[in-house]
Amino acid sequence: MLPKLHYISQGNSTEEHLINIRNACTFGAELVQLRLKGFTDKEVLRTAEMAREITESYQTRLIINDHYKITKAVKADGVHLGKKDISIGIARKALTSWQIIGGTANTIQDCNALIREKVAYIGLGPFRFTNTKKQLSPVLGYNGYLTLLEALNTTIPIIAVGGITLKDVPEIMETGIYGIAASGEITKDFNNIKHFNSLLKGTELQEQIWMPDQENT
């Protein structure tokens, strides 16, 4: 089952990303996404190899942002693809059957396209403005999530992302969202992993379980 809390790595260098990933694992993160922008493929590969060593030692799942070939090379648990990245079909052919694919969405059209591709989860956002991503899509806010979740008919987990703080979680979860992806709120204080998990725990009885053979059959 997909964890409800995703930590997206931050750092000004690959070393900082690795330090933050280790901290996240130490404080109980069940899934981390290595998100490196502005680095060479060689640097991403080297960092991903070390991130895989860290996450394996903590039994934490590792998702690599964008780089599906590196995902396969380091045997990460999956890849997260943005709207302008390689197609899901190409990535799926390259990866092994147990490696998952998540995708970014901002509109109902984006979501439906990802649902047709039978992704493992959808990262829907941004919830609010965030400096961690350039060329930001239109901000959704609470009403945007509510509208989209009501319109969608899928068991694929939807993960809210984009500038989310602890105080936002109760309201966001009321929309029917599956879980939360956070970056800055966790990086500034890794104790917040415990607080996020505590807030998310209240929805465990309403877990959405994604079964590939039940989607669009």
Protein backbone atom coordinates (compact mmCIF):
# COMPACT_ATOMS: atom_id res chain seq x y z
CA MET A 1 0.00 0.00 0.00
CA LEU A 2 1.27 3.45 -0.87
CA PRO A 3 2.32 5.57 2.15
CA LYS A 4 0.16 8.62 2.81
CA LEU A 5 3.15 10.93 3.40
CA HIS A 6 5.77 11.57 0.72
CA TYR A 7 8.92 13.57 1.47
CA ILE A 8 10.35 15.39 -1.56
CA SER A 9 14.05 16.06 -1.08
CA GLN A 10 15.53 19.55 -0.91
CA GLY A 11 19.06 20.91 -0.92
CA ASN A 12 21.46 23.30 -2.62
CA SER A 13 23.83 20.43 -3.38
CA THR A 14 23.60 16.69 -3.85
CA GLU A 15 25.21 16.30 -0.44
CA GLU A 16 22.44 18.34 1.19
CA HIS A 17 19.82 16.21 -0.54
CA LEU A 18 21.41 13.07 0.86
CA ILE A 19 21.68 14.53 4.36
CA ASN A 20 18.01 15.50 4.24
CA ILE A 21 16.98 12.09 2.92
CA ARG A 22 18.85 10.39 5.75
CA ASN A 23 17.21 12.72 8.26
CA ALA A 24 13.79 12.00 6.81
CA CYS A 25 14.40 8.26 7.07
CA THR A 26 15.69 8.61 10.62
CA PHE A 27 12.52 10.46 11.62
CA GLY A 28 10.25 7.82 10.15
CA ALA A 29 9.59 8.70 6.50
CA GLU A 30 8.16 5.70 4.65
CA LEU A 31 8.66 7.15 1.18
CA VAL A 32 11.08 9.77 -0.13
CA GLN A 33 11.36 11.23 -3.59
CA LEU A 34 14.81 12.27 -4.80
CA ARG A 35 14.18 15.44 -6.78
CA LEU A 36 17.32 16.91 -8.31
CA LYS A 37 17.07 19.82 -10.73
CA GLY A 38 20.00 21.47 -12.50
CA PHE A 39 22.40 18.56 -12.03
CA THR A 40 24.06 16.36 -14.65
CA ASP A 41 22.87 12.81 -15.26
CA LYS A 42 26.15 11.58 -13.79
CA GLU A 43 25.54 13.56 -10.59
CA VAL A 44 21.96 12.34 -10.38
CA LEU A 45 23.06 8.73 -10.84
CA ARG A 46 25.74 8.99 -8.15
CA THR A 47 23.31 10.64 -5.74
CA ALA A 48 20.57 8.13 -6.51
CA GLU A 49 22.93 5.24 -5.79
CA MET A 50 23.73 6.69 -2.37
CA ALA A 51 20.07 7.54 -1.71
CA ARG A 52 19.18 3.92 -2.48
CA GLU A 53 21.74 2.71 0.07
CA ILE A 54 20.28 5.06 2.70
CA THR A 55 16.64 4.20 2.07
CA GLU A 56 17.30 0.46 1.94
CA SER A 57 18.94 0.56 5.36
CA TYR A 58 15.77 2.14 6.77
CA GLN A 59 13.35 0.07 4.65
CA THR A 60 12.07 3.32 3.15
CA ARG A 61 10.72 3.46 -0.38
CA LEU A 62 12.68 5.57 -2.87
CA ILE A 63 11.11 7.36 -5.83
CA ILE A 64 13.31 9.14 -8.38
CA ASN A 65 11.96 12.29 -10.00
CA ASP A 66 12.12 12.36 -13.83
CA HIS A 67 14.98 9.92 -14.44
CA TYR A 68 13.42 6.57 -15.32
CA LYS A 69 16.68 5.05 -16.59
CA ILE A 70 18.40 5.92 -13.31
CA THR A 71 15.38 4.51 -11.47
CA LYS A 72 16.02 1.20 -13.17
CA ALA A 73 19.79 1.35 -12.71
CA VAL A 74 19.68 1.87 -8.93
CA LYS A 75 16.64 -0.38 -8.44
CA ALA A 76 14.60 2.41 -6.90
CA ASP A 77 10.98 1.66 -6.04
CA GLY A 78 9.66 3.90 -8.77
CA VAL A 79 9.82 7.08 -10.81
CA HIS A 80 7.75 10.27 -10.69
CA LEU A 81 7.15 11.87 -14.08
CA GLY A 82 6.20 15.49 -14.65
CA LYS A 83 3.83 16.70 -17.33
CA LYS A 84 6.71 17.46 -19.72
CA ASP A 85 8.78 14.36 -19.01
CA ILE A 86 9.07 11.17 -21.05
CA SER A 87 5.83 9.33 -21.73
CA ILE A 88 4.59 6.85 -19.16
CA GLY A 89 4.48 4.13 -21.80
CA ILE A 90 8.18 4.47 -22.60
CA ALA A 91 9.10 4.52 -18.90
CA ARG A 92 6.95 1.47 -18.18
CA LYS A 93 8.62 -0.56 -20.93
CA ALA A 94 12.03 0.28 -19.47
CA LEU A 95 11.21 -0.46 -15.84
CA THR A 96 10.67 -3.80 -14.15
CA SER A 97 7.16 -4.89 -13.20
CA TRP A 98 7.54 -4.03 -9.49
CA GLN A 99 8.73 -0.44 -10.07
CA ILE A 100 5.86 2.04 -9.85
CA ILE A 101 5.19 5.19 -11.86
CA GLY A 102 3.60 8.33 -10.44
CA GLY A 103 2.59 11.36 -12.45
CA THR A 104 2.00 15.08 -11.98
CA ALA A 105 -1.43 16.61 -12.63
CA ASN A 106 -3.05 20.02 -12.36
CA THR A 107 -6.36 19.60 -14.19
CA ILE A 108 -9.05 16.98 -14.59
CA GLN A 109 -7.71 16.34 -18.11
CA ASP A 110 -4.26 15.64 -16.63
CA CYS A 111 -5.76 13.29 -14.06
CA ASN A 112 -7.85 11.38 -16.58
CA ALA A 113 -4.82 10.94 -18.86
CA LEU A 114 -2.85 9.47 -15.95
CA ILE A 115 -5.77 7.27 -14.94
CA ARG A 116 -5.89 5.85 -18.46
CA GLU A 117 -2.18 5.08 -18.16
CA LYS A 118 -2.87 3.25 -14.88
CA VAL A 119 -0.24 5.10 -12.86
CA ALA A 120 0.37 4.03 -9.26
CA TYR A 121 -0.49 7.48 -7.91
CA ILE A 122 -1.19 11.04 -9.04
CA GLY A 123 0.59 14.06 -7.56
CA LEU A 124 -2.05 16.79 -7.81
CA GLY A 125 -1.11 20.41 -7.25
CA PRO A 126 0.03 22.91 -6.43
CA PHE A 127 -2.05 23.53 -3.34
CA ARG A 128 -0.50 26.99 -3.03
CA PHE A 129 2.41 28.96 -4.46
CA THR A 130 5.79 27.39 -3.78
CA ASN A 131 9.34 28.41 -4.62
CA THR A 132 10.51 24.81 -4.95
CA LYS A 133 9.22 24.52 -8.51
CA LYS A 134 9.74 26.78 -11.52
CA GLN A 135 7.00 27.29 -14.13
CA LEU A 136 4.34 26.59 -11.53
CA SER A 137 0.93 25.43 -12.73
CA PRO A 138 -2.19 27.33 -11.56
CA VAL A 139 -2.72 27.09 -7.82
CA LEU A 140 -5.62 24.78 -6.89
CA GLY A 141 -6.30 25.53 -3.22
CA TYR A 142 -8.96 23.76 -1.18
CA ASN A 143 -11.77 24.43 -3.65
CA GLY A 144 -9.73 23.13 -6.56
CA TYR A 145 -9.07 19.84 -4.81
CA LEU A 146 -12.69 19.53 -3.75
CA THR A 147 -13.94 20.09 -7.29
CA LEU A 148 -11.47 17.70 -8.89
CA LEU A 149 -11.90 14.93 -6.34
CA GLU A 150 -15.67 15.08 -6.73
CA ALA A 151 -15.36 14.85 -10.51
CA LEU A 152 -12.86 11.98 -10.60
CA ASN A 153 -13.94 8.37 -10.36
CA THR A 154 -10.82 6.38 -9.55
CA THR A 155 -9.24 4.27 -6.85
CA ILE A 156 -5.78 5.50 -7.82
CA PRO A 157 -4.31 7.41 -4.84
CA ILE A 158 -4.27 11.20 -5.28
CA ILE A 159 -1.44 12.97 -3.44
CA ALA A 160 -1.75 16.69 -2.67
CA VAL A 161 1.47 18.64 -3.25
CA GLY A 162 2.72 22.21 -3.32
CA GLY A 163 3.52 24.45 -0.36
CA ILE A 164 1.54 22.35 2.12
CA THR A 165 2.01 23.02 5.84
CA LEU A 166 0.85 21.06 8.86
CA LYS A 167 -2.09 23.39 9.47
CA ASP A 168 -3.36 22.69 5.93
CA VAL A 169 -3.64 18.93 6.36
CA PRO A 170 -7.04 18.57 8.12
CA GLU A 171 -8.80 20.75 5.55
CA ILE A 172 -7.10 19.10 2.56
CA MET A 173 -7.98 15.62 3.80
CA GLU A 174 -11.63 16.61 3.96
CA THR A 175 -11.63 16.77 0.15
CA GLY A 176 -11.09 13.02 -0.10
CA ILE A 177 -7.43 13.27 -1.03
CA TYR A 178 -5.38 10.15 -0.30
CA GLY A 179 -2.22 11.73 1.09
CA ILE A 180 0.27 14.58 1.21
CA ALA A 181 3.65 15.31 -0.36
CA ALA A 182 5.75 17.83 1.54
CA SER A 183 9.19 19.30 1.13
CA GLY A 184 9.93 22.59 2.88
CA GLU A 185 7.70 21.93 5.89
CA ILE A 186 9.64 18.74 6.61
CA THR A 187 13.12 19.98 5.69
CA LYS A 188 12.88 22.85 8.17
CA ASP A 189 12.00 20.41 10.99
CA PHE A 190 12.11 16.65 10.49
CA ASN A 191 10.02 16.21 13.64
CA ASN A 192 7.14 17.34 11.42
CA ILE A 193 7.11 13.87 9.85
CA LYS A 194 5.64 12.59 13.11
CA HIS A 195 3.08 15.40 13.15
CA PHE A 196 2.09 14.82 9.51
CA ASN A 197 1.67 11.10 10.15
CA SER A 198 -0.43 11.79 13.22
CA LEU A 199 -2.78 14.03 11.22
CA LEU A 200 -2.97 11.56 8.33
CA LYS A 201 -3.58 8.58 10.59
CA GLY A 202 -7.18 9.63 11.15
CA THR A 203 -8.05 8.64 7.58
CA GLU A 204 -6.58 5.13 7.68
CA LEU A 205 -10.01 3.51 7.74
CA GLN A 206 -10.81 5.21 4.45
CA GLU A 207 -7.63 4.00 2.70
CA GLN A 208 -7.84 3.93 -1.08
CA ILE A 209 -6.34 0.68 -2.31
CA TRP A 210 -5.09 0.69 -5.88
CA MET A 211 -5.39 -2.64 -7.64
CA PRO A 212 -4.02 -2.52 -11.23
CA ASP A 213 -6.30 -5.32 -12.44
CA GLN A 214 -9.40 -3.45 -11.24
CA GLU A 215 -8.66 -0.11 -12.91
CA ASN A 216 -10.33 0.42 -16.29
CA THR A 217 -11.14 -3.24 -16.75
